[in-house]
Amino acid sequence: AYQAALNMAGNETNWFIEKDYQYQKTYDGIKAHFQNHPETTAVCCVSDTMVPAILRALHDLKIPAENVKILSFDGLDSVAYCFPSVTTFAQPVTDMVKHAAQLMKGLISQEQNHQHVTFQPLLMRRESC
């Protein structure tokens, strides 16, 4: 849906790189993308676990990582120790677990119905953007 909306607005979507959370595929995909699109100035990563592959690809291409804005999701401590440290959205895991446990208890006892719940992530601003 997101790509379709971009296409309808006249924007290219060939810059989406989906690599199934695999380091080598992420590394290869980012490297190929920057070789074909050196004008790229930002990367939004679906998970903090893929950040090392992105940073390595930039390093191997001799692109200073501080010249590329990197934003990721999960809030893992490890991305705070990358260079540059990476801005990430932290998931409120404690709140999510507490709510899931309460909901499960309510569902088992039939005191609650299924729910759709949205949790607010926390933006952890760091050096990457």
Protein backbone atom coordinates (compact mmCIF):
# COMPACT_ATOMS: atom_id res chain seq x y z
CA ALA A 1 0.00 0.00 0.00
CA TYR A 2 2.84 2.39 0.89
CA GLN A 3 4.63 1.75 -2.40
CA ALA A 4 1.35 2.08 -4.34
CA ALA A 5 0.70 5.47 -2.71
CA LEU A 6 4.20 6.63 -3.63
CA ASN A 7 3.71 5.48 -7.22
CA MET A 8 0.38 7.32 -7.45
CA ALA A 9 2.15 10.47 -6.25
CA GLY A 10 4.75 10.04 -8.98
CA ASN A 11 7.59 8.91 -6.72
CA GLU A 12 9.92 6.02 -7.51
CA THR A 13 9.85 3.01 -5.24
CA ASN A 14 12.81 1.08 -6.61
CA TRP A 15 14.79 2.10 -3.57
CA PHE A 16 13.03 -0.37 -1.26
CA ILE A 17 15.48 -3.09 -0.28
CA GLU A 18 13.86 -6.12 1.34
CA LYS A 19 16.38 -8.71 2.51
CA ASP A 20 14.59 -10.86 5.11
CA TYR A 21 16.76 -9.85 8.07
CA GLN A 22 19.83 -11.52 6.57
CA TYR A 23 23.14 -9.73 7.02
CA GLN A 24 24.78 -10.74 3.75
CA LYS A 25 21.68 -9.93 1.68
CA THR A 26 21.30 -6.60 3.47
CA TYR A 27 24.98 -5.79 2.92
CA ASP A 28 24.78 -6.73 -0.77
CA GLY A 29 21.50 -4.86 -1.25
CA ILE A 30 22.73 -1.65 0.37
CA LYS A 31 26.01 -1.82 -1.50
CA ALA A 32 24.26 -2.29 -4.86
CA HIS A 33 21.79 0.48 -4.06
CA PHE A 34 24.49 3.03 -3.25
CA GLN A 35 26.49 2.02 -6.33
CA ASN A 36 23.40 2.66 -8.49
CA HIS A 37 22.10 5.64 -6.49
CA PRO A 38 25.06 7.52 -4.99
CA GLU A 39 22.76 10.50 -4.41
CA THR A 40 21.03 8.61 -1.58
CA THR A 41 21.26 10.54 1.68
CA ALA A 42 19.26 8.40 4.12
CA VAL A 43 18.43 4.82 5.06
CA CYS A 44 15.47 3.71 7.15
CA CYS A 45 16.11 0.25 8.51
CA VAL A 46 13.27 -2.02 9.64
CA SER A 47 15.33 -3.46 12.51
CA ASP A 48 18.38 -2.49 14.53
CA THR A 49 19.78 -5.96 13.90
CA MET A 50 20.52 -5.01 10.28
CA VAL A 51 22.43 -1.81 11.09
CA PRO A 52 25.91 -3.45 11.16
CA ALA A 53 25.44 -4.72 7.59
CA ILE A 54 24.43 -1.24 6.44
CA LEU A 55 27.36 0.46 8.15
CA ARG A 56 29.79 -2.13 6.76
CA ALA A 57 28.49 -1.63 3.23
CA LEU A 58 28.92 2.14 3.53
CA HIS A 59 32.42 1.67 4.93
CA ASP A 60 33.44 -0.72 2.14
CA LEU A 61 32.15 1.77 -0.44
CA LYS A 62 34.21 4.50 1.25
CA ILE A 63 31.04 6.49 2.02
CA PRO A 64 31.39 8.18 5.40
CA ALA A 65 28.50 6.90 7.52
CA GLU A 66 28.08 10.36 8.99
CA ASN A 67 27.09 11.54 5.47
CA VAL A 68 24.08 9.19 5.43
CA LYS A 69 21.19 9.65 7.84
CA ILE A 70 20.29 6.28 9.39
CA LEU A 71 17.08 5.61 11.28
CA SER A 72 16.12 2.22 12.64
CA PHE A 73 13.57 0.44 14.80
CA ASP A 74 13.73 -1.65 18.00
CA GLY A 75 15.81 0.39 20.43
CA LEU A 76 18.55 -2.19 20.88
CA ASP A 77 21.49 -1.03 22.99
CA SER A 78 23.96 -2.26 20.38
CA VAL A 79 23.22 0.56 17.91
CA ALA A 80 24.26 3.11 20.53
CA TYR A 81 27.80 1.68 20.19
CA CYS A 82 27.99 1.86 16.39
CA PHE A 83 29.80 4.69 14.66
CA PRO A 84 27.95 6.83 14.24
CA SER A 85 25.54 5.83 17.00
CA VAL A 86 22.21 5.14 15.31
CA THR A 87 18.90 6.88 15.95
CA THR A 88 16.21 4.31 16.68
CA PHE A 89 12.62 3.97 17.77
CA ALA A 90 12.55 1.89 20.97
CA GLN A 91 9.67 -0.48 21.43
CA PRO A 92 8.01 -0.23 24.87
CA VAL A 93 8.63 -3.93 25.50
CA THR A 94 7.81 -3.88 29.23
CA ASP A 95 4.45 -2.23 28.61
CA MET A 96 3.73 -4.61 25.74
CA VAL A 97 4.48 -7.70 27.83
CA LYS A 98 2.42 -6.46 30.79
CA HIS A 99 -0.54 -5.69 28.53
CA ALA A 100 -0.26 -9.04 26.74
CA ALA A 101 -0.23 -10.93 30.05
CA GLN A 102 -3.28 -9.02 31.34
CA LEU A 103 -5.12 -9.53 28.07
CA MET A 104 -4.31 -13.24 27.97
CA LYS A 105 -5.57 -13.64 31.54
CA GLY A 106 -8.77 -11.77 30.63
CA LEU A 107 -9.28 -13.86 27.48
CA ILE A 108 -8.80 -17.13 29.37
CA SER A 109 -11.28 -16.06 32.07
CA GLN A 110 -13.58 -14.68 29.34
CA GLU A 111 -13.66 -11.31 31.10
CA GLN A 112 -12.13 -9.53 28.09
CA ASN A 113 -12.48 -9.62 24.32
CA HIS A 114 -9.73 -9.51 21.71
CA GLN A 115 -8.21 -6.05 21.34
CA HIS A 116 -6.14 -4.11 18.86
CA VAL A 117 -3.61 -2.11 20.85
CA THR A 118 -1.13 0.48 19.62
CA PHE A 119 1.91 1.29 21.70
CA GLN A 120 3.87 4.53 21.45
CA PRO A 121 7.56 3.99 20.61
CA LEU A 122 10.25 6.24 22.03
CA LEU A 123 12.54 8.08 19.62
CA MET A 124 16.14 7.69 20.78
CA ARG A 125 18.04 10.44 18.95
CA ARG A 126 21.66 9.73 18.35
CA GLU A 127 24.44 10.80 15.97
CA SER A 128 23.08 9.22 12.79
CA CYS A 129 20.25 11.74 12.36
